[in-house]
Structure formats: structure tokens, C-alpha cells
Amino acid sequence: MLGVTENTMLIIRNATKEDARAAWDIRNTAILNQCINYYSMDVLRIWTGGELSEEFANDVEIHFYVALYNDQVIATGMIDIEKGKLDAIFVYPNHMRMVRQWGQTRLIQCNQKNQWGLTPLITQHSPINTCVGSGQVLV
């Protein structure tokens, strides 16, 4: 099991079109793994069915961020800077605990840095909590 230490390094960056395949795979894996107890398999098949489309790839490039651990994309999602909203977060299930712990650590650090005008983003159901200021994600 991966654990968070002072040296745990997650890098969050804007996604590129080349990240679309990883984002698609992470999304589908996370939905099938985490939602199985809440939705029927028919609903999950609808959500995860189909193929990676050009439209999805374009959305990834424009709206998504990715989290990398050891140079591998392990999480993806959207951050709406203007609304201060973290949305559509998907994490590979085997990295969920580590990402959640990392996010909690960063949230504490962000709250300590609020003298610089950063806004903590807190979502009730998101494993990643982070801070945003001037359009940058602080990690």
C-alpha cells in the first residue's frame, strides 16, 4: 500500500490531448470500482461504454488536470477556477488512499498559506482537496 510521507510527490498539471487515453481509462476504472455498490451494472455500463472520442479528448485538453506519481498518470479531474469548484475527480482505485491522504495534507498547508489570498477548495466527496490561486494548482 502506498503511503503519504513528507517526500511523497504528486505533480498536478494541465492535461494535454495525449492524456485523454489515461483519463478515459482512469474514469472508467474508478466508476466501475467505486460505484458498484450504488448503481446497477446496467447504469455503470452506460456510463463507461463506448470508445474514447475526439470530443472527450478535446475536453480533456481544455478542462482537465492530471495527477502524476512516479511519472504515471494516476488521477484526473476538472477544476473550475472561477467557481472554486473541484469536479469530476477520478483516481485509480489502488492509489485512492494515497491521493486522499496527500490531498488532506495539502489542504492543511493551503489553509496555513491563506495570507497570500489562496482559496481552499473543499468538496464533500472528492479525494483531492487543494488550493487555487491565480489559476495555479499548488501542490
Protein backbone atom coordinates (compact mmCIF):
# COMPACT_ATOMS: atom_id res chain seq x y z
CA MET A 1 0.00 0.00 0.00
CA LEU A 2 1.29 3.41 -0.91
CA GLY A 3 1.52 5.83 1.96
CA VAL A 4 2.00 9.56 2.19
CA THR A 5 5.25 10.79 3.61
CA GLU A 6 6.90 14.18 3.60
CA ASN A 7 8.62 13.12 0.39
CA THR A 8 5.50 11.93 -1.43
CA MET A 9 5.48 13.85 -4.67
CA LEU A 10 2.32 14.17 -6.67
CA ILE A 11 2.50 16.54 -9.58
CA ILE A 12 -0.69 18.16 -10.78
CA ARG A 13 -0.60 19.73 -14.21
CA ASN A 14 -2.93 20.74 -17.00
CA ALA A 15 -3.88 17.73 -19.07
CA THR A 16 -2.94 17.51 -22.71
CA LYS A 17 -4.72 15.73 -25.51
CA GLU A 18 -2.15 12.96 -25.12
CA ASP A 19 -3.54 12.36 -21.60
CA ALA A 20 -7.02 11.58 -22.95
CA ARG A 21 -6.48 7.79 -23.06
CA ALA A 22 -5.23 7.72 -19.46
CA ALA A 23 -8.10 9.98 -18.35
CA TRP A 24 -10.62 7.72 -20.10
CA ASP A 25 -9.15 4.56 -18.56
CA ILE A 26 -8.92 6.07 -15.06
CA ARG A 27 -12.51 7.38 -15.32
CA ASN A 28 -13.93 4.03 -16.33
CA THR A 29 -11.87 2.04 -13.82
CA ALA A 30 -12.83 4.37 -10.97
CA ILE A 31 -16.54 4.31 -11.86
CA LEU A 32 -16.64 0.51 -12.13
CA ASN A 33 -14.69 0.08 -8.89
CA GLN A 34 -16.19 2.76 -6.66
CA CYS A 35 -19.82 2.90 -7.84
CA ILE A 36 -20.64 -0.81 -7.94
CA ASN A 37 -22.45 -0.69 -4.58
CA TYR A 38 -24.55 2.33 -5.51
CA TYR A 39 -25.65 1.82 -9.12
CA SER A 40 -26.77 -1.12 -11.21
CA MET A 41 -24.40 -2.73 -13.70
CA ASP A 42 -26.70 -1.52 -16.47
CA VAL A 43 -26.15 2.10 -15.41
CA LEU A 44 -22.40 1.55 -14.99
CA ARG A 45 -22.18 0.01 -18.48
CA ILE A 46 -23.90 3.07 -19.93
CA TRP A 47 -21.52 5.44 -18.13
CA THR A 48 -18.41 3.52 -19.12
CA GLY A 49 -19.48 2.24 -22.52
CA GLY A 50 -18.34 3.43 -25.88
CA GLU A 51 -14.94 4.42 -27.08
CA LEU A 52 -12.65 7.33 -26.40
CA SER A 53 -13.96 10.10 -28.66
CA GLU A 54 -12.33 13.15 -30.17
CA GLU A 55 -14.82 15.27 -28.22
CA PHE A 56 -13.67 13.72 -24.93
CA ALA A 57 -10.01 14.22 -25.91
CA ASN A 58 -10.72 17.89 -26.66
CA ASP A 59 -12.48 18.31 -23.30
CA VAL A 60 -9.51 16.73 -21.53
CA GLU A 61 -7.13 19.18 -23.19
CA ILE A 62 -9.29 22.21 -22.35
CA HIS A 63 -10.75 21.40 -18.92
CA PHE A 64 -8.85 18.58 -17.22
CA TYR A 65 -5.89 18.27 -14.90
CA VAL A 66 -3.90 15.12 -14.21
CA ALA A 67 -2.06 13.94 -11.12
CA LEU A 68 1.20 12.09 -11.68
CA TYR A 69 3.00 9.81 -9.27
CA ASN A 70 6.34 8.40 -10.38
CA ASP A 71 5.68 9.87 -13.84
CA GLN A 72 2.45 7.87 -14.22
CA VAL A 73 -0.98 9.49 -14.51
CA ILE A 74 -2.94 8.13 -11.54
CA ALA A 75 -5.81 10.64 -11.26
CA THR A 76 -7.67 13.13 -13.37
CA GLY A 77 -10.39 15.67 -12.97
CA MET A 78 -11.63 19.16 -13.62
CA ILE A 79 -11.09 22.31 -11.58
CA ASP A 80 -13.29 25.32 -12.24
CA ILE A 81 -11.08 28.16 -11.01
CA GLU A 82 -13.78 30.83 -11.43
CA LYS A 83 -16.36 28.96 -9.36
CA GLY A 84 -13.82 27.47 -6.92
CA LYS A 85 -15.16 24.03 -7.69
CA LEU A 86 -13.40 20.71 -7.93
CA ASP A 87 -15.38 18.46 -10.25
CA ALA A 88 -15.25 15.03 -11.88
CA ILE A 89 -12.32 13.62 -9.91
CA PHE A 90 -11.29 10.09 -10.84
CA VAL A 91 -8.46 8.15 -9.20
CA TYR A 92 -7.14 4.68 -9.95
CA PRO A 93 -8.52 2.57 -7.07
CA ASN A 94 -5.10 1.30 -5.97
CA HIS A 95 -3.96 4.93 -5.46
CA MET A 96 -7.12 6.25 -3.79
CA ARG A 97 -5.89 6.14 -0.20
CA MET A 98 -2.55 7.74 -1.03
CA VAL A 99 -4.20 10.53 -3.05
CA ARG A 100 -6.76 11.21 -0.32
CA GLN A 101 -4.03 11.46 2.34
CA TRP A 102 -1.92 13.66 0.08
CA GLY A 103 -4.90 15.96 -0.53
CA GLN A 104 -5.63 16.32 3.17
CA THR A 105 -2.00 17.25 3.82
CA ARG A 106 -2.09 19.88 1.06
CA LEU A 107 -5.37 21.32 2.36
CA ILE A 108 -3.76 21.95 5.76
CA GLN A 109 -0.80 23.60 4.04
CA CYS A 110 -3.14 25.76 1.93
CA ASN A 111 -5.07 26.91 4.97
CA GLN A 112 -1.77 27.95 6.53
CA LYS A 113 -0.91 29.96 3.38
CA ASN A 114 -4.17 31.88 3.18
CA GLN A 115 -2.39 35.13 3.95
CA TRP A 116 -1.48 35.02 0.23
CA GLY A 117 -5.10 35.10 -0.85
CA LEU A 118 -5.47 31.44 -1.79
CA THR A 119 -8.89 29.85 -1.76
CA PRO A 120 -9.17 26.38 -0.27
CA LEU A 121 -11.27 24.09 -2.44
CA ILE A 122 -13.15 21.56 -0.38
CA THR A 123 -15.55 19.08 -1.84
CA GLN A 124 -17.59 16.69 0.20
CA HIS A 125 -16.99 13.64 -1.98
CA SER A 126 -13.64 14.36 -3.58
CA PRO A 127 -10.43 12.58 -2.62
CA ILE A 128 -8.32 15.54 -3.65
CA ASN A 129 -8.52 18.80 -1.74
CA THR A 130 -6.22 21.53 -2.89
CA CYS A 131 -5.80 25.27 -3.13
CA VAL A 132 -6.09 27.51 -6.12
CA GLY A 133 -4.72 31.00 -6.52
CA SER A 134 -4.26 32.99 -9.71
CA GLY A 135 -5.16 29.95 -11.80
CA GLN A 136 -2.42 27.73 -10.41
CA VAL A 137 -2.87 24.50 -8.51
CA LEU A 138 -0.49 24.39 -5.60
CA VAL A 139 0.96 21.01 -4.81
